[in-house]
Amino acid sequence: AYAILGHNGSGKSTLLNILSGYLSTSEGTLSHSINGKPIEVDHLFRQL
């Protein structure tokens, strides 16, 4: 279990939405996997 901390408007909810696949990132890379098997962003909603 992880906590993303910050004051209101600091971007913590934005980061959470990126990790969920609901928002796209402007730069960098993001990957999700289960037992080493990659999950495509389009199928991520079934796993969260």
All heavy atoms as atom14 arrays in JSON, in Angstrom:
{
  "sequence": "AYAILGHNGSGKSTLLNILSGYLSTSEGTLSHSINGKPIEVDHLFRQL",
  "atom14_mask": [
    [1, 1, 1, 1, 1, 0, 0, 0, 0, 0, 0, 0, 0, 0],
    [1, 1, 1, 1, 1, 1, 1, 1, 1, 1, 1, 1, 0, 0],
    [1, 1, 1, 1, 1, 0, 0, 0, 0, 0, 0, 0, 0, 0],
    [1, 1, 1, 1, 1, 1, 1, 1, 0, 0, 0, 0, 0, 0],
    [1, 1, 1, 1, 1, 1, 1, 1, 0, 0, 0, 0, 0, 0],
    [1, 1, 1, 1, 0, 0, 0, 0, 0, 0, 0, 0, 0, 0],
    [1, 1, 1, 1, 1, 1, 1, 1, 1, 1, 0, 0, 0, 0],
    [1, 1, 1, 1, 1, 1, 1, 1, 0, 0, 0, 0, 0, 0],
    [1, 1, 1, 1, 0, 0, 0, 0, 0, 0, 0, 0, 0, 0],
    [1, 1, 1, 1, 1, 1, 0, 0, 0, 0, 0, 0, 0, 0],
    [1, 1, 1, 1, 0, 0, 0, 0, 0, 0, 0, 0, 0, 0],
    [1, 1, 1, 1, 1, 1, 1, 1, 1, 0, 0, 0, 0, 0],
    [1, 1, 1, 1, 1, 1, 0, 0, 0, 0, 0, 0, 0, 0],
    [1, 1, 1, 1, 1, 1, 1, 0, 0, 0, 0, 0, 0, 0],
    [1, 1, 1, 1, 1, 1, 1, 1, 0, 0, 0, 0, 0, 0],
    [1, 1, 1, 1, 1, 1, 1, 1, 0, 0, 0, 0, 0, 0],
    [1, 1, 1, 1, 1, 1, 1, 1, 0, 0, 0, 0, 0, 0],
    [1, 1, 1, 1, 1, 1, 1, 1, 0, 0, 0, 0, 0, 0],
    [1, 1, 1, 1, 1, 1, 1, 1, 0, 0, 0, 0, 0, 0],
    [1, 1, 1, 1, 1, 1, 0, 0, 0, 0, 0, 0, 0, 0],
    [1, 1, 1, 1, 0, 0, 0, 0, 0, 0, 0, 0, 0, 0],
    [1, 1, 1, 1, 1, 1, 1, 1, 1, 1, 1, 1, 0, 0],
    [1, 1, 1, 1, 1, 1, 1, 1, 0, 0, 0, 0, 0, 0],
    [1, 1, 1, 1, 1, 1, 0, 0, 0, 0, 0, 0, 0, 0],
    [1, 1, 1, 1, 1, 1, 1, 0, 0, 0, 0, 0, 0, 0],
    [1, 1, 1, 1, 1, 1, 0, 0, 0, 0, 0, 0, 0, 0],
    [1, 1, 1, 1, 1, 1, 1, 1, 1, 0, 0, 0, 0, 0],
    [1, 1, 1, 1, 0, 0, 0, 0, 0, 0, 0, 0, 0, 0],
    [1, 1, 1, 1, 1, 1, 1, 0, 0, 0, 0, 0, 0, 0],
    [1, 1, 1, 1, 1, 1, 1, 1, 0, 0, 0, 0, 0, 0],
    [1, 1, 1, 1, 1, 1, 0, 0, 0, 0, 0, 0, 0, 0],
    [1, 1, 1, 1, 1, 1, 1, 1, 1, 1, 0, 0, 0, 0],
    [1, 1, 1, 1, 1, 1, 0, 0, 0, 0, 0, 0, 0, 0],
    [1, 1, 1, 1, 1, 1, 1, 1, 0, 0, 0, 0, 0, 0],
    [1, 1, 1, 1, 1, 1, 1, 1, 0, 0, 0, 0, 0, 0],
    [1, 1, 1, 1, 0, 0, 0, 0, 0, 0, 0, 0, 0, 0],
    [1, 1, 1, 1, 1, 1, 1, 1, 1, 0, 0, 0, 0, 0],
    [1, 1, 1, 1, 1, 1, 1, 0, 0, 0, 0, 0, 0, 0],
    [1, 1, 1, 1, 1, 1, 1, 1, 0, 0, 0, 0, 0, 0],
    [1, 1, 1, 1, 1, 1, 1, 1, 1, 0, 0, 0, 0, 0],
    [1, 1, 1, 1, 1, 1, 1, 0, 0, 0, 0, 0, 0, 0],
    [1, 1, 1, 1, 1, 1, 1, 1, 0, 0, 0, 0, 0, 0],
    [1, 1, 1, 1, 1, 1, 1, 1, 1, 1, 0, 0, 0, 0],
    [1, 1, 1, 1, 1, 1, 1, 1, 0, 0, 0, 0, 0, 0],
    [1, 1, 1, 1, 1, 1, 1, 1, 1, 1, 1, 0, 0, 0],
    [1, 1, 1, 1, 1, 1, 1, 1, 1, 1, 1, 0, 0, 0],
    [1, 1, 1, 1, 1, 1, 1, 1, 1, 0, 0, 0, 0, 0],
    [1, 1, 1, 1, 1, 1, 1, 1, 0, 0, 0, 0, 0, 0]
  ],
  "atom14_positions": [
    [[0.85, -1.19, 0.0], [0.0, 0.0, 0.0], [0.89, 1.25, 0.0], [1.84, 1.34, 0.77], [-0.92, 0.01, 1.21], [0.0, 0.0, 0.0], [0.0, 0.0, 0.0], [0.0, 0.0, 0.0], [0.0, 0.0, 0.0], [0.0, 0.0, 0.0], [0.0, 0.0, 0.0], [0.0, 0.0, 0.0], [0.0, 0.0, 0.0], [0.0, 0.0, 0.0]],
    [[0.54, 2.19, -0.87], [1.31, 3.42, -1.05], [0.4, 4.62, -0.86], [-0.79, 4.58, -1.21], [1.92, 3.49, -2.44], [2.87, 2.37, -2.77], [2.39, 1.12, -3.17], [4.24, 2.54, -2.68], [3.26, 0.08, -3.47], [5.12, 1.51, -2.99], [4.62, 0.28, -3.39], [5.48, -0.76, -3.69], [0.0, 0.0, 0.0], [0.0, 0.0, 0.0]],
    [[0.96, 5.7, -0.34], [0.22, 6.95, -0.21], [0.91, 8.03, -1.02], [2.14, 8.2, -0.91], [0.12, 7.37, 1.26], [0.0, 0.0, 0.0], [0.0, 0.0, 0.0], [0.0, 0.0, 0.0], [0.0, 0.0, 0.0], [0.0, 0.0, 0.0], [0.0, 0.0, 0.0], [0.0, 0.0, 0.0], [0.0, 0.0, 0.0], [0.0, 0.0, 0.0]],
    [[0.14, 8.74, -1.84], [0.65, 9.91, -2.57], [0.17, 11.13, -1.79], [-1.03, 11.37, -1.68], [0.12, 9.94, -4.01], [0.54, 8.67, -4.75], [0.63, 11.19, -4.73], [-0.1, 8.53, -6.12], [0.0, 0.0, 0.0], [0.0, 0.0, 0.0], [0.0, 0.0, 0.0], [0.0, 0.0, 0.0], [0.0, 0.0, 0.0], [0.0, 0.0, 0.0]],
    [[1.11, 11.87, -1.25], [0.79, 12.97, -0.33], [1.05, 14.32, -0.98], [1.94, 14.47, -1.82], [1.64, 12.84, 0.94], [1.66, 11.48, 1.63], [2.53, 11.54, 2.88], [0.25, 11.03, 1.97], [0.0, 0.0, 0.0], [0.0, 0.0, 0.0], [0.0, 0.0, 0.0], [0.0, 0.0, 0.0], [0.0, 0.0, 0.0], [0.0, 0.0, 0.0]],
    [[0.27, 15.31, -0.55], [0.46, 16.68, -1.04], [-0.73, 17.53, -0.7], [-1.83, 17.03, -0.48], [0.0, 0.0, 0.0], [0.0, 0.0, 0.0], [0.0, 0.0, 0.0], [0.0, 0.0, 0.0], [0.0, 0.0, 0.0], [0.0, 0.0, 0.0], [0.0, 0.0, 0.0], [0.0, 0.0, 0.0], [0.0, 0.0, 0.0], [0.0, 0.0, 0.0]],
    [[-0.5, 18.83, -0.66], [-1.59, 19.76, -0.37], [-2.57, 19.81, -1.53], [-2.29, 19.29, -2.63], [-1.03, 21.17, -0.08], [-0.16, 21.71, -1.19], [-0.69, 22.25, -2.34], [1.19, 21.77, -1.32], [0.29, 22.64, -3.14], [1.44, 22.36, -2.54], [0.0, 0.0, 0.0], [0.0, 0.0, 0.0], [0.0, 0.0, 0.0], [0.0, 0.0, 0.0]],
    [[-3.73, 20.41, -1.33], [-4.73, 20.53, -2.38], [-4.14, 21.27, -3.58], [-3.51, 22.32, -3.43], [-5.96, 21.28, -1.87], [-6.74, 20.47, -0.85], [-6.61, 19.25, -0.79], [-7.54, 21.14, -0.04], [0.0, 0.0, 0.0], [0.0, 0.0, 0.0], [0.0, 0.0, 0.0], [0.0, 0.0, 0.0], [0.0, 0.0, 0.0], [0.0, 0.0, 0.0]],
    [[-4.34, 20.71, -4.75], [-3.84, 21.33, -5.97], [-2.39, 21.0, -6.28], [-1.83, 21.54, -7.25], [0.0, 0.0, 0.0], [0.0, 0.0, 0.0], [0.0, 0.0, 0.0], [0.0, 0.0, 0.0], [0.0, 0.0, 0.0], [0.0, 0.0, 0.0], [0.0, 0.0, 0.0], [0.0, 0.0, 0.0], [0.0, 0.0, 0.0], [0.0, 0.0, 0.0]],
    [[-1.79, 20.09, -5.52], [-0.37, 19.78, -5.72], [-0.13, 18.79, -6.85], [1.0, 18.62, -7.3], [0.24, 19.24, -4.42], [-0.41, 18.05, -4.01], [0.0, 0.0, 0.0], [0.0, 0.0, 0.0], [0.0, 0.0, 0.0], [0.0, 0.0, 0.0], [0.0, 0.0, 0.0], [0.0, 0.0, 0.0], [0.0, 0.0, 0.0], [0.0, 0.0, 0.0]],
    [[-1.18, 18.09, -7.3], [-1.03, 17.15, -8.41], [-1.17, 15.69, -8.03], [-1.02, 14.8, -8.88], [0.0, 0.0, 0.0], [0.0, 0.0, 0.0], [0.0, 0.0, 0.0], [0.0, 0.0, 0.0], [0.0, 0.0, 0.0], [0.0, 0.0, 0.0], [0.0, 0.0, 0.0], [0.0, 0.0, 0.0], [0.0, 0.0, 0.0], [0.0, 0.0, 0.0]],
    [[-1.48, 15.41, -6.76], [-1.57, 14.0, -6.34], [-2.72, 13.27, -7.03], [-2.56, 12.11, -7.43], [-1.68, 13.9, -4.82], [-2.85, 14.6, -4.17], [-2.75, 14.52, -2.64], [-3.98, 15.12, -1.98], [-4.13, 16.57, -2.27], [0.0, 0.0, 0.0], [0.0, 0.0, 0.0], [0.0, 0.0, 0.0], [0.0, 0.0, 0.0], [0.0, 0.0, 0.0]],
    [[-3.86, 13.93, -7.21], [-4.98, 13.29, -7.9], [-4.66, 13.12, -9.38], [-5.07, 12.12, -10.0], [-6.26, 14.11, -7.73], [-6.68, 14.12, -6.38], [0.0, 0.0, 0.0], [0.0, 0.0, 0.0], [0.0, 0.0, 0.0], [0.0, 0.0, 0.0], [0.0, 0.0, 0.0], [0.0, 0.0, 0.0], [0.0, 0.0, 0.0], [0.0, 0.0, 0.0]],
    [[-3.94, 14.06, -9.96], [-3.51, 13.95, -11.36], [-2.64, 12.72, -11.54], [-2.83, 11.94, -12.48], [-2.75, 15.21, -11.79], [-3.61, 16.34, -11.69], [-2.26, 15.08, -13.23], [0.0, 0.0, 0.0], [0.0, 0.0, 0.0], [0.0, 0.0, 0.0], [0.0, 0.0, 0.0], [0.0, 0.0, 0.0], [0.0, 0.0, 0.0], [0.0, 0.0, 0.0]],
    [[-1.68, 12.52, -10.64], [-0.82, 11.34, -10.72], [-1.63, 10.06, -10.57], [-1.42, 9.09, -11.32], [0.26, 11.41, -9.64], [1.18, 10.19, -9.54], [1.88, 9.89, -10.87], [2.21, 10.39, -8.43], [0.0, 0.0, 0.0], [0.0, 0.0, 0.0], [0.0, 0.0, 0.0], [0.0, 0.0, 0.0], [0.0, 0.0, 0.0], [0.0, 0.0, 0.0]],
    [[-2.58, 10.05, -9.65], [-3.41, 8.86, -9.47], [-4.19, 8.54, -10.74], [-4.31, 7.37, -11.13], [-4.37, 9.07, -8.29], [-4.98, 7.81, -7.67], [-3.91, 6.97, -6.97], [-6.08, 8.16, -6.69], [0.0, 0.0, 0.0], [0.0, 0.0, 0.0], [0.0, 0.0, 0.0], [0.0, 0.0, 0.0], [0.0, 0.0, 0.0], [0.0, 0.0, 0.0]],
    [[-4.71, 9.56, -11.4], [-5.45, 9.35, -12.64], [-4.55, 8.86, -13.78], [-5.0, 8.09, -14.64], [-6.17, 10.63, -13.05], [-7.51, 10.79, -12.36], [-8.51, 10.22, -12.79], [-7.55, 11.56, -11.29], [0.0, 0.0, 0.0], [0.0, 0.0, 0.0], [0.0, 0.0, 0.0], [0.0, 0.0, 0.0], [0.0, 0.0, 0.0], [0.0, 0.0, 0.0]],
    [[-3.3, 9.28, -13.78], [-2.36, 8.76, -14.77], [-2.07, 7.29, -14.51], [-2.06, 6.47, -15.42], [-1.06, 9.6, -14.76], [-1.33, 10.99, -15.35], [0.05, 8.9, -15.55], [-0.16, 11.95, -15.22], [0.0, 0.0, 0.0], [0.0, 0.0, 0.0], [0.0, 0.0, 0.0], [0.0, 0.0, 0.0], [0.0, 0.0, 0.0], [0.0, 0.0, 0.0]],
    [[-1.84, 6.94, -13.24], [-1.57, 5.55, -12.89], [-2.75, 4.64, -13.23], [-2.57, 3.45, -13.52], [-1.23, 5.43, -11.4], [0.03, 6.16, -10.93], [0.2, 6.02, -9.42], [1.27, 5.64, -11.64], [0.0, 0.0, 0.0], [0.0, 0.0, 0.0], [0.0, 0.0, 0.0], [0.0, 0.0, 0.0], [0.0, 0.0, 0.0], [0.0, 0.0, 0.0]],
    [[-3.95, 5.2, -13.21], [-5.16, 4.43, -13.54], [-5.37, 4.27, -15.04], [-6.21, 3.47, -15.45], [-6.39, 5.11, -12.93], [-6.75, 6.26, -13.67], [0.0, 0.0, 0.0], [0.0, 0.0, 0.0], [0.0, 0.0, 0.0], [0.0, 0.0, 0.0], [0.0, 0.0, 0.0], [0.0, 0.0, 0.0], [0.0, 0.0, 0.0], [0.0, 0.0, 0.0]],
    [[-4.65, 5.06, -15.83], [-4.86, 5.04, -17.27], [-5.92, 6.0, -17.75], [-6.17, 6.11, -18.96], [0.0, 0.0, 0.0], [0.0, 0.0, 0.0], [0.0, 0.0, 0.0], [0.0, 0.0, 0.0], [0.0, 0.0, 0.0], [0.0, 0.0, 0.0], [0.0, 0.0, 0.0], [0.0, 0.0, 0.0], [0.0, 0.0, 0.0], [0.0, 0.0, 0.0]],
    [[-6.57, 6.74, -16.84], [-7.62, 7.68, -17.22], [-7.06, 8.95, -17.84], [-7.71, 9.61, -18.64], [-8.49, 8.04, -16.01], [-9.33, 6.9, -15.48], [-9.8, 6.91, -14.17], [-9.67, 5.82, -16.26], [-10.57, 5.86, -13.66], [-10.44, 4.78, -15.78], [-10.88, 4.81, -14.48], [-11.64, 3.77, -13.98], [0.0, 0.0, 0.0], [0.0, 0.0, 0.0]],
    [[-5.83, 9.3, -17.45], [-5.15, 10.47, -18.01], [-3.88, 10.0, -18.7], [-3.22, 9.06, -18.23], [-4.78, 11.49, -16.92], [-5.81, 12.5, -16.46], [-5.18, 13.42, -15.41], [-6.34, 13.33, -17.62], [0.0, 0.0, 0.0], [0.0, 0.0, 0.0], [0.0, 0.0, 0.0], [0.0, 0.0, 0.0], [0.0, 0.0, 0.0], [0.0, 0.0, 0.0]],
    [[-3.51, 10.66, -19.77], [-2.24, 10.34, -20.43], [-1.13, 11.19, -19.82], [-1.37, 12.25, -19.25], [-2.35, 10.62, -21.93], [-2.64, 12.0, -22.15], [0.0, 0.0, 0.0], [0.0, 0.0, 0.0], [0.0, 0.0, 0.0], [0.0, 0.0, 0.0], [0.0, 0.0, 0.0], [0.0, 0.0, 0.0], [0.0, 0.0, 0.0], [0.0, 0.0, 0.0]],
    [[0.08, 10.7, -19.93], [1.22, 11.43, -19.43], [1.78, 12.32, -20.52], [1.61, 12.05, -21.72], [2.3, 10.45, -18.92], [3.39, 11.18, -18.4], [2.79, 9.56, -20.05], [0.0, 0.0, 0.0], [0.0, 0.0, 0.0], [0.0, 0.0, 0.0], [0.0, 0.0, 0.0], [0.0, 0.0, 0.0], [0.0, 0.0, 0.0], [0.0, 0.0, 0.0]],
    [[2.42, 13.4, -20.14], [3.03, 14.31, -21.11], [4.43, 13.88, -21.5], [4.93, 14.23, -22.57], [3.07, 15.74, -20.55], [1.78, 16.21, -20.23], [0.0, 0.0, 0.0], [0.0, 0.0, 0.0], [0.0, 0.0, 0.0], [0.0, 0.0, 0.0], [0.0, 0.0, 0.0], [0.0, 0.0, 0.0], [0.0, 0.0, 0.0], [0.0, 0.0, 0.0]],
    [[5.1, 13.16, -20.6], [6.43, 12.63, -20.9], [6.69, 11.43, -20.0], [6.0, 11.23, -18.99], [7.5, 13.69, -20.68], [7.64, 14.16, -19.24], [8.73, 15.2, -19.06], [9.29, 15.69, -20.07], [9.01, 15.54, -17.89], [0.0, 0.0, 0.0], [0.0, 0.0, 0.0], [0.0, 0.0, 0.0], [0.0, 0.0, 0.0], [0.0, 0.0, 0.0]],
    [[7.67, 10.63, -20.38], [8.02, 9.48, -19.57], [7.27, 8.23, -19.97], [6.46, 8.23, -20.91], [0.0, 0.0, 0.0], [0.0, 0.0, 0.0], [0.0, 0.0, 0.0], [0.0, 0.0, 0.0], [0.0, 0.0, 0.0], [0.0, 0.0, 0.0], [0.0, 0.0, 0.0], [0.0, 0.0, 0.0], [0.0, 0.0, 0.0], [0.0, 0.0, 0.0]],
    [[7.52, 7.13, -19.26], [6.9, 5.85, -19.57], [6.2, 5.27, -18.34], [6.59, 5.54, -17.2], [7.94, 4.83, -20.07], [8.93, 4.62, -19.05], [8.61, 5.33, -21.34], [0.0, 0.0, 0.0], [0.0, 0.0, 0.0], [0.0, 0.0, 0.0], [0.0, 0.0, 0.0], [0.0, 0.0, 0.0], [0.0, 0.0, 0.0], [0.0, 0.0, 0.0]],
    [[5.18, 4.48, -18.62], [4.35, 3.87, -17.58], [3.97, 2.48, -18.04], [3.52, 2.3, -19.18], [3.11, 4.74, -17.35], [1.96, 4.18, -16.51], [2.39, 4.03, -15.07], [0.73, 5.1, -16.61], [0.0, 0.0, 0.0], [0.0, 0.0, 0.0], [0.0, 0.0, 0.0], [0.0, 0.0, 0.0], [0.0, 0.0, 0.0], [0.0, 0.0, 0.0]],
    [[4.13, 1.48, -17.16], [3.75, 0.12, -17.53], [3.06, -0.56, -16.37], [3.36, -0.29, -15.2], [4.98, -0.69, -17.96], [5.87, -0.88, -16.88], [0.0, 0.0, 0.0], [0.0, 0.0, 0.0], [0.0, 0.0, 0.0], [0.0, 0.0, 0.0], [0.0, 0.0, 0.0], [0.0, 0.0, 0.0], [0.0, 0.0, 0.0], [0.0, 0.0, 0.0]],
    [[2.12, -1.43, -16.7], [1.39, -2.24, -15.73], [1.57, -3.71, -16.08], [1.58, -4.07, -17.27], [-0.11, -1.91, -15.75], [-0.44, -0.49, -15.47], [-0.28, 0.52, -16.41], [-0.95, 0.12, -14.36], [-0.67, 1.67, -15.88], [-1.09, 1.45, -14.66], [0.0, 0.0, 0.0], [0.0, 0.0, 0.0], [0.0, 0.0, 0.0], [0.0, 0.0, 0.0]],
    [[1.67, -4.55, -15.06], [1.8, -5.98, -15.33], [1.23, -6.78, -14.16], [1.14, -6.29, -13.03], [3.26, -6.36, -15.55], [4.04, -6.09, -14.4], [0.0, 0.0, 0.0], [0.0, 0.0, 0.0], [0.0, 0.0, 0.0], [0.0, 0.0, 0.0], [0.0, 0.0, 0.0], [0.0, 0.0, 0.0], [0.0, 0.0, 0.0], [0.0, 0.0, 0.0]],
    [[0.84, -8.02, -14.47], [0.39, -8.97, -13.45], [1.18, -10.25, -13.65], [1.17, -10.82, -14.75], [-1.12, -9.25, -13.56], [-1.94, -7.98, -13.29], [-1.54, -10.33, -12.57], [-3.44, -8.17, -13.42], [0.0, 0.0, 0.0], [0.0, 0.0, 0.0], [0.0, 0.0, 0.0], [0.0, 0.0, 0.0], [0.0, 0.0, 0.0], [0.0, 0.0, 0.0]],
    [[1.89, -10.65, -12.61], [2.75, -11.84, -12.68], [3.69, -11.79, -13.89], [3.92, -12.8, -14.57], [1.89, -13.11, -12.74], [1.04, -13.29, -11.5], [1.46, -12.96, -10.4], [-0.17, -13.8, -11.68], [0.0, 0.0, 0.0], [0.0, 0.0, 0.0], [0.0, 0.0, 0.0], [0.0, 0.0, 0.0], [0.0, 0.0, 0.0], [0.0, 0.0, 0.0]],
    [[4.21, -10.59, -14.16], [5.16, -10.42, -15.24], [4.55, -10.24, -16.62], [5.27, -9.98, -17.59], [0.0, 0.0, 0.0], [0.0, 0.0, 0.0], [0.0, 0.0, 0.0], [0.0, 0.0, 0.0], [0.0, 0.0, 0.0], [0.0, 0.0, 0.0], [0.0, 0.0, 0.0], [0.0, 0.0, 0.0], [0.0, 0.0, 0.0], [0.0, 0.0, 0.0]],
    [[3.22, -10.37, -16.73], [2.56, -10.23, -18.04], [2.05, -8.8, -18.21], [1.26, -8.32, -17.39], [1.4, -11.22, -18.15], [1.83, -12.68, -18.11], [0.64, -13.61, -18.26], [1.09, -15.08, -18.25], [-0.08, -15.99, -18.38], [0.0, 0.0, 0.0], [0.0, 0.0, 0.0], [0.0, 0.0, 0.0], [0.0, 0.0, 0.0], [0.0, 0.0, 0.0]],
    [[2.48, -8.11, -19.26], [2.08, -6.72, -19.46], [0.57, -6.59, -19.69], [-0.08, -7.47, -20.25], [2.84, -6.3, -20.73], [3.94, -7.31, -20.88], [3.41, -8.58, -20.3], [0.0, 0.0, 0.0], [0.0, 0.0, 0.0], [0.0, 0.0, 0.0], [0.0, 0.0, 0.0], [0.0, 0.0, 0.0], [0.0, 0.0, 0.0], [0.0, 0.0, 0.0]],
    [[0.03, -5.46, -19.23], [-1.39, -5.13, -19.44], [-1.46, -3.88, -20.28], [-0.88, -2.84, -19.94], [-2.12, -4.88, -18.1], [-1.97, -6.1, -17.19], [-3.59, -4.56, -18.34], [-2.44, -5.82, -15.77], [0.0, 0.0, 0.0], [0.0, 0.0, 0.0], [0.0, 0.0, 0.0], [0.0, 0.0, 0.0], [0.0, 0.0, 0.0], [0.0, 0.0, 0.0]],
    [[-2.16, -3.97, -21.4], [-2.33, -2.79, -22.25], [-3.26, -1.8, -21.55], [-4.2, -2.18, -20.84], [-2.93, -3.19, -23.6], [-2.04, -4.09, -24.43], [-0.73, -3.43, -24.83], [-0.74, -2.2, -25.01], [0.28, -4.13, -24.94], [0.0, 0.0, 0.0], [0.0, 0.0, 0.0], [0.0, 0.0, 0.0], [0.0, 0.0, 0.0], [0.0, 0.0, 0.0]],
    [[-3.01, -0.51, -21.77], [-3.8, 0.54, -21.12], [-5.28, 0.38, -21.44], [-6.14, 0.6, -20.57], [-3.29, 1.94, -21.54], [-4.23, 3.02, -21.0], [-1.88, 2.18, -21.02], [0.0, 0.0, 0.0], [0.0, 0.0, 0.0], [0.0, 0.0, 0.0], [0.0, 0.0, 0.0], [0.0, 0.0, 0.0], [0.0, 0.0, 0.0], [0.0, 0.0, 0.0]],
    [[-5.59, -0.04, -22.65], [-6.99, -0.19, -23.05], [-7.72, -1.26, -22.25], [-8.95, -1.27, -22.18], [-7.1, -0.53, -24.54], [-6.69, 0.64, -25.44], [-6.6, 1.76, -24.92], [-6.46, 0.41, -26.64], [0.0, 0.0, 0.0], [0.0, 0.0, 0.0], [0.0, 0.0, 0.0], [0.0, 0.0, 0.0], [0.0, 0.0, 0.0], [0.0, 0.0, 0.0]],
    [[-6.98, -2.19, -21.64], [-7.59, -3.27, -20.87], [-7.41, -3.09, -19.37], [-7.87, -3.93, -18.59], [-6.98, -4.62, -21.29], [-7.19, -4.95, -22.74], [-6.26, -5.61, -23.51], [-8.24, -4.7, -23.56], [-6.71, -5.75, -24.74], [-7.92, -5.21, -24.8], [0.0, 0.0, 0.0], [0.0, 0.0, 0.0], [0.0, 0.0, 0.0], [0.0, 0.0, 0.0]],
    [[-6.8, -1.98, -18.99], [-6.46, -1.78, -17.58], [-7.69, -1.64, -16.7], [-7.68, -2.07, -15.54], [-5.57, -0.55, -17.44], [-5.04, -0.22, -16.06], [-4.22, -1.37, -15.49], [-4.2, 1.05, -16.1], [0.0, 0.0, 0.0], [0.0, 0.0, 0.0], [0.0, 0.0, 0.0], [0.0, 0.0, 0.0], [0.0, 0.0, 0.0], [0.0, 0.0, 0.0]],
    [[-8.76, -1.06, -17.24], [-9.96, -0.8, -16.43], [-10.53, -2.08, -15.83], [-11.19, -2.05, -14.79], [-11.02, -0.08, -17.27], [-11.66, -0.92, -18.33], [-12.86, -1.58, -18.08], [-11.08, -1.05, -19.58], [-13.47, -2.36, -19.05], [-11.68, -1.83, -20.57], [-12.87, -2.49, -20.31], [0.0, 0.0, 0.0], [0.0, 0.0, 0.0], [0.0, 0.0, 0.0]],
    [[-10.28, -3.21, -16.48], [-10.79, -4.49, -15.96], [-10.01, -4.95, -14.73], [-10.46, -5.84, -14.01], [-10.69, -5.57, -17.04], [-11.55, -5.32, -18.27], [-11.56, -6.55, -19.16], [-12.4, -6.36, -20.34], [-11.95, -5.97, -21.52], [-10.67, -5.71, -21.68], [-12.78, -5.82, -22.54], [0.0, 0.0, 0.0], [0.0, 0.0, 0.0], [0.0, 0.0, 0.0]],
    [[-8.85, -4.37, -14.5], [-7.98, -4.82, -13.42], [-7.92, -3.85, -12.24], [-7.12, -4.05, -11.33], [-6.55, -5.02, -13.97], [-6.45, -5.9, -15.19], [-6.89, -7.32, -14.93], [-6.84, -7.81, -13.79], [-7.33, -8.01, -15.98], [0.0, 0.0, 0.0], [0.0, 0.0, 0.0], [0.0, 0.0, 0.0], [0.0, 0.0, 0.0], [0.0, 0.0, 0.0]],
    [[-8.75, -2.83, -12.25], [-8.68, -1.85, -11.16], [-10.06, -1.47, -10.67], [-11.07, -1.64, -11.35], [-7.91, -0.62, -11.6], [-8.49, 0.3, -12.7], [-9.5, 1.31, -12.15], [-7.36, 1.07, -13.39], [0.0, 0.0, 0.0], [0.0, 0.0, 0.0], [0.0, 0.0, 0.0], [0.0, 0.0, 0.0], [0.0, 0.0, 0.0], [0.0, 0.0, 0.0]]
  ]
}
